[in-house]
Protein backbone atom coordinates (compact mmCIF):
# COMPACT_ATOMS: atom_id res chain seq x y z
CA MET A 1 -24.98 -10.68 -43.62
CA LEU A 2 -27.30 -8.07 -46.26
CA ASP A 3 -29.84 -11.26 -46.53
CA GLU A 4 -31.83 -13.19 -43.98
CA PRO A 5 -30.03 -16.43 -43.65
CA ARG A 6 -32.16 -19.58 -44.30
CA SER A 7 -31.67 -21.16 -40.75
CA GLY A 8 -33.44 -17.78 -39.66
CA ARG A 9 -36.48 -17.90 -40.93
CA LEU A 10 -36.82 -21.71 -40.26
CA ALA A 11 -36.43 -21.17 -36.55
CA ALA A 12 -38.15 -17.59 -36.27
CA TRP A 13 -41.70 -19.54 -38.14
CA GLY A 14 -40.85 -23.16 -36.89
CA ASN A 15 -41.46 -21.57 -33.12
CA ALA A 16 -44.03 -19.58 -34.12
CA LEU A 17 -45.53 -23.49 -35.55
CA LEU A 18 -44.86 -25.13 -32.68
CA ALA A 19 -45.95 -22.33 -30.37
CA GLY A 20 -49.48 -22.66 -32.05
CA LEU A 21 -49.32 -18.87 -33.47
CA VAL A 22 -49.50 -19.61 -37.49
CA SER A 23 -50.49 -22.88 -39.39
CA PRO A 24 -47.82 -25.53 -41.19
CA ASP A 25 -48.71 -23.86 -44.47
CA ASP A 26 -48.25 -20.24 -43.41
CA ALA A 27 -44.92 -21.31 -41.30
CA ALA A 28 -43.25 -23.06 -44.90
CA ASP A 29 -44.47 -20.18 -46.83
CA HIS A 30 -42.31 -18.09 -45.01
CA ILE A 31 -39.27 -20.05 -44.60
CA ALA A 32 -39.54 -21.02 -48.23
CA ASP A 33 -39.27 -17.34 -49.03
CA ASP A 34 -38.36 -17.05 -52.43
CA ASP A 35 -36.88 -20.52 -53.03
CA VAL A 36 -38.51 -23.13 -54.99
CA VAL A 37 -38.70 -25.43 -52.81
CA HIS A 38 -37.40 -26.49 -49.21
CA ARG A 39 -36.84 -30.85 -48.32
CA VAL A 40 -36.04 -32.30 -45.04
CA GLU A 41 -33.72 -35.04 -45.68
CA GLY A 42 -32.56 -37.76 -42.64
CA LEU A 43 -35.29 -37.22 -40.30
CA PRO A 44 -36.01 -40.13 -38.43
CA GLY A 45 -38.52 -42.56 -39.26
CA GLU A 46 -38.59 -40.95 -43.18
CA GLU A 47 -37.09 -42.50 -45.75
CA GLN A 48 -37.09 -40.26 -48.50
CA PRO A 49 -37.07 -36.47 -48.45
CA VAL A 50 -39.77 -34.37 -47.08
CA GLY A 51 -41.57 -30.98 -47.10
CA LEU A 52 -41.22 -28.66 -44.90
CA THR A 53 -44.76 -28.90 -42.97
CA LEU A 54 -44.31 -32.93 -42.78
CA ALA A 55 -40.87 -32.18 -41.50
CA LEU A 56 -41.77 -29.65 -39.00
CA GLY A 57 -44.62 -31.82 -37.63
CA ARG A 58 -42.56 -35.02 -37.71
CA LEU A 59 -39.68 -32.70 -35.28
CA ARG A 60 -42.97 -31.77 -33.29
CA ALA A 61 -43.90 -35.71 -32.61
CA LEU A 62 -39.99 -36.39 -31.85
CA GLY A 63 -40.06 -33.96 -28.88
CA ALA A 64 -38.69 -30.37 -30.36
CA VAL A 65 -40.46 -27.98 -27.88
CA GLY A 66 -37.70 -25.37 -29.57
CA LEU A 67 -35.63 -24.47 -32.68
CA ARG A 68 -31.96 -22.29 -32.69
CA VAL A 69 -30.12 -20.69 -34.55
CA ALA A 70 -26.39 -21.35 -35.09
CA LEU A 71 -24.42 -18.93 -37.35
CA PRO A 72 -20.66 -20.55 -37.06
CA VAL A 73 -17.78 -19.08 -38.97
CA PRO A 74 -14.07 -20.51 -38.95
CA GLY A 75 -13.05 -19.77 -35.16
CA HIS A 76 -15.75 -19.53 -33.85
CA PRO A 77 -18.44 -22.04 -33.60
CA LEU A 78 -21.43 -19.46 -32.46
CA GLY A 79 -24.54 -21.95 -31.81
CA LEU A 80 -22.98 -25.55 -31.82
CA CYS A 81 -22.94 -27.86 -29.15
CA GLY A 82 -21.57 -31.06 -31.44
CA PRO A 83 -20.84 -33.91 -31.81
CA PRO A 84 -18.14 -32.65 -34.03
CA GLU A 85 -19.21 -34.01 -37.34
CA PHE A 86 -22.62 -31.94 -37.39
CA ASN A 87 -20.38 -28.66 -36.33
CA ALA A 88 -18.11 -29.70 -39.21
CA ARG A 89 -21.04 -29.72 -41.71
CA ALA A 90 -22.41 -26.24 -40.19
CA LEU A 91 -19.36 -24.45 -40.33
CA GLU A 92 -19.11 -25.43 -44.11
CA ALA A 93 -22.62 -24.14 -44.30
CA GLU A 94 -21.87 -21.10 -41.88
CA GLU A 95 -25.57 -21.76 -40.60
CA ALA A 96 -27.51 -24.39 -38.81
CA VAL A 97 -30.63 -24.89 -36.65
CA LEU A 98 -31.34 -27.02 -33.85
CA ALA A 99 -34.11 -28.45 -32.50
CA SER A 100 -34.02 -28.71 -28.89
CA GLY A 101 -36.32 -31.68 -26.97
CA ALA A 102 -35.25 -33.70 -29.76
CA GLY A 103 -31.31 -33.31 -30.51
CA LEU A 104 -31.67 -33.39 -33.82
CA GLY A 105 -29.74 -30.23 -36.34
CA LEU A 106 -30.35 -29.18 -39.77
CA ILE A 107 -27.81 -27.95 -42.13
CA PRO A 108 -29.13 -26.05 -45.28
CA GLU A 109 -27.54 -27.75 -48.86
CA THR A 110 -28.53 -25.19 -51.66
CA TYR A 111 -28.64 -25.77 -55.28
CA GLU A 112 -29.11 -23.44 -58.29
CA ALA A 113 -31.45 -24.17 -61.15
CA GLY A 114 -31.23 -21.28 -64.34
CA PRO A 115 -29.65 -20.24 -67.36
CA GLU A 116 -25.84 -19.90 -67.11
CA GLY A 117 -24.71 -16.50 -65.48
CA GLY A 118 -28.38 -15.83 -64.71
CA ALA A 119 -29.46 -13.85 -61.53
CA GLY A 120 -32.90 -12.97 -60.02
CA PRO A 121 -35.78 -14.90 -61.21
CA ASP A 122 -33.86 -16.55 -63.81
CA VAL A 123 -32.49 -18.42 -60.78
CA HIS A 124 -34.35 -21.03 -58.80
CA VAL A 125 -33.04 -21.88 -55.37
CA GLU A 126 -34.01 -25.40 -54.04
CA VAL A 127 -32.75 -25.95 -50.75
CA VAL A 128 -32.41 -29.49 -48.92
CA TRP A 129 -31.66 -29.47 -44.96
CA ARG A 130 -29.85 -32.41 -44.29
CA CYS A 131 -30.94 -34.10 -40.78
CA LEU A 132 -28.30 -35.31 -38.21
CA PRO A 133 -28.20 -35.80 -34.42
CA VAL A 134 -26.87 -33.05 -32.08
CA ARG A 135 -26.33 -33.32 -28.49
CA GLU A 136 -28.51 -31.56 -25.89
CA ALA A 137 -25.90 -28.87 -24.68
CA PRO A 138 -26.26 -25.52 -23.79
CA PRO A 139 -24.56 -23.25 -27.34
CA ALA A 140 -21.57 -21.71 -27.66
CA ASP A 141 -21.10 -17.95 -27.51
CA VAL A 142 -24.93 -17.41 -27.46
CA PRO A 143 -25.56 -13.61 -25.31
CA SER A 144 -28.83 -12.91 -23.95
CA LEU A 145 -30.71 -10.01 -26.00
CA GLY A 146 -29.73 -7.39 -23.30
CA GLU A 147 -26.18 -8.59 -23.62
CA ALA A 148 -26.15 -8.54 -27.50
CA GLU A 149 -28.31 -5.10 -27.51
CA ARG A 150 -25.53 -3.57 -25.34
CA GLU A 151 -23.15 -4.70 -27.72
CA LEU A 152 -24.49 -3.37 -31.07
CA ALA A 153 -24.83 -0.40 -29.90
CA GLU A 154 -21.04 0.25 -29.93
CA ALA A 155 -20.56 -2.19 -32.40
CA LEU A 156 -22.93 0.62 -34.94
CA ARG A 157 -20.97 3.11 -34.05
CA GLU A 158 -17.54 1.02 -34.98
CA ALA A 159 -19.39 0.11 -38.25
CA THR A 160 -20.19 3.61 -39.17
CA GLU A 161 -17.10 5.18 -38.18
CA LEU A 162 -15.17 3.07 -40.49
CA LEU A 163 -17.58 3.33 -43.00
CA SER A 164 -17.00 6.77 -43.18
CA THR A 165 -13.73 6.25 -43.86
CA LEU A 166 -14.41 5.25 -47.43
CA ASP A 167 -15.52 7.17 -50.31
CA VAL A 168 -18.74 4.69 -50.88
CA ALA A 169 -20.05 7.88 -52.76
CA GLY A 170 -17.18 7.22 -55.18
CA ALA A 171 -16.72 3.79 -54.92
CA GLY A 172 -16.76 0.51 -57.33
CA PRO A 173 -20.88 -0.44 -58.67
CA VAL A 174 -20.17 -3.36 -56.14
CA ALA A 175 -20.70 -1.49 -53.09
CA GLN A 176 -23.44 0.94 -55.00
CA ALA A 177 -25.15 -2.38 -55.17
CA ALA A 178 -24.86 -3.14 -52.03
CA LEU A 179 -25.77 -0.08 -50.42
CA ALA A 180 -28.81 0.18 -52.91
CA ALA A 181 -30.34 -3.18 -51.88
CA TYR A 182 -29.53 -2.26 -47.97
CA ARG A 183 -31.62 0.75 -48.40
CA ALA A 184 -34.48 -0.60 -50.35
CA ARG A 185 -34.61 -3.51 -47.49
CA ALA A 186 -35.03 -0.96 -44.70
CA GLU A 187 -37.76 1.16 -46.83
CA ALA A 188 -39.27 -1.78 -47.60
CA GLY A 189 -41.28 -3.03 -43.85
CA ARG A 190 -40.53 -6.25 -44.74
CA GLN A 191 -41.80 -8.14 -41.34
CA VAL A 192 -39.10 -9.22 -39.06
CA LEU A 193 -38.94 -12.51 -36.93
CA ALA A 194 -42.73 -14.11 -36.91
CA PRO A 195 -45.34 -14.20 -34.62
CA GLY A 196 -44.27 -14.89 -30.78
CA TYR A 197 -41.02 -13.07 -30.74
CA PRO A 198 -40.49 -9.95 -28.18
CA PRO A 199 -40.03 -6.30 -29.55
CA ARG A 200 -36.65 -6.36 -27.77
CA ALA A 201 -36.04 -9.64 -30.17
CA VAL A 202 -37.29 -7.65 -33.16
CA ARG A 203 -35.00 -4.51 -32.25
CA VAL A 204 -32.15 -6.31 -31.73
CA LEU A 205 -32.45 -7.93 -35.26
CA GLU A 206 -33.08 -5.23 -37.34
CA LEU A 207 -29.67 -3.09 -35.39
CA ALA A 208 -27.88 -6.70 -36.55
CA GLN A 209 -28.78 -6.95 -39.83
CA ARG A 210 -27.88 -3.14 -40.33
CA VAL A 211 -24.32 -3.63 -38.82
CA GLY A 212 -24.03 -6.33 -41.18
CA ALA A 213 -24.68 -4.24 -44.03
CA LEU A 214 -22.51 -1.84 -43.07
CA ILE A 215 -19.86 -4.65 -42.53
CA ASP A 216 -20.89 -5.90 -46.48
CA ILE A 217 -20.42 -2.37 -47.71
CA ALA A 218 -17.30 -1.33 -45.81
CA GLN A 219 -16.10 -4.84 -47.53
CA GLN A 220 -17.00 -4.49 -51.38
CA ALA A 221 -16.15 -0.84 -51.44
CA GLY A 222 -12.54 -1.79 -49.22
CA GLY A 223 -11.82 -3.74 -52.39
CA GLU A 224 -12.92 -1.37 -55.44
CA HIS A 225 -11.00 1.74 -56.53
CA GLY A 226 -13.13 3.99 -54.23
CA GLY A 227 -11.30 2.02 -51.14
CA ALA A 228 -8.48 0.68 -49.91
CA VAL A 229 -5.44 0.68 -52.51
CA SER A 230 -3.02 -1.78 -51.36
CA SER A 231 -3.22 -4.87 -50.33
CA SER A 232 -2.08 -4.26 -46.43
CA GLU A 233 -4.87 -1.48 -45.71
CA ILE A 234 -7.42 -3.63 -47.41
CA ALA A 235 -5.79 -5.98 -44.53
CA ALA A 236 -5.78 -3.69 -41.85
CA ARG A 237 -9.37 -3.19 -42.78
CA ALA A 238 -11.05 -6.40 -42.80
CA GLU A 239 -9.10 -6.87 -39.31
CA ALA A 240 -10.74 -3.92 -37.71
CA LEU A 241 -14.39 -5.02 -39.42
CA ARG A 242 -13.67 -9.01 -37.86
CA PRO A 243 -14.75 -8.13 -34.02
CA VAL A 244 -17.54 -5.55 -35.09
CA GLU A 245 -18.47 -8.52 -37.56
CA ARG A 246 -18.77 -11.32 -34.96
CA THR A 247 -21.15 -9.10 -32.29
CA ALA A 248 -22.88 -8.61 -34.99
CA ARG A 249 -23.76 -12.41 -35.38
CA ARG A 250 -24.10 -13.01 -32.06
CA ALA A 251 -27.17 -10.65 -32.07
CA GLN A 252 -29.00 -12.00 -34.40
CA VAL A 253 -28.60 -16.07 -32.96
CA ALA A 254 -29.58 -14.40 -30.12
CA ALA A 255 -33.03 -12.66 -31.14
CA TYR A 256 -33.53 -15.90 -33.36
CA ASN A 257 -33.00 -17.93 -30.09
CA SER A 258 -34.86 -15.52 -27.69
CA ALA A 259 -38.24 -17.24 -28.40
CA VAL A 260 -36.56 -20.84 -27.30
CA GLU A 261 -35.19 -19.15 -24.02
CA GLU A 262 -38.35 -17.50 -23.66
CA ARG A 263 -40.61 -20.53 -23.17
CA GLU A 264 -37.95 -22.33 -21.46
CA ARG A 265 -37.26 -19.59 -18.21
CA HIS A 266 -41.30 -19.73 -18.27
CA ARG A 267 -41.19 -23.60 -18.08
CA GLY A 268 -38.44 -23.26 -15.55
């Protein structure tokens, strides 16, 4: 969970565009981020894949009033609402975006190009969003912002305690790299979410990402020589981390979806 999910960027900046707070080009640039290109395939009325700018305009024309995020994993269909075909594909990708009002969902597929074994700027990522029908129904297991914030406070304590049981300073290179990446991102002062989101959503998302980063570091350290040395200890650590990770994912979804929830409350 060290990296922001692509579905989160699409929902956040797509919501800002739907609210008239950013231009189509600005939204598309923020959604693509470091990826080379994003295309949307399967949009009603479009026979060929189209770029993000056209796709977001098409979704609005099809009735979309907001974009919600789903971050499902096996045994936890977080944010999904069916049908089974869409849920299965979203579960495989472990993320999706649902366009409320349009009855459509988008699932990302990534393609990497570059030298074998390359990394960083040597690898170019292209993303294709598959558009499929979805049900207009309440998404599964998404908490309110207030509920998510309360759960996160406890989850952060648990994650910190679990991390303190590891000798992270003496752990292997993977855990060290994860720790360095988290610190660099925290110090970069990057923009969280997009215009139009309430401050509480920004706070919840930042905290959820912090908890997620601690979980990643604990898991990676646990698999190296500085952490657990037996398979039973590794399994026990994974079991202890699972509910904390679930809480962090629920909070991320609550934060990304808060702009739509707020809009619907005002309309209601």
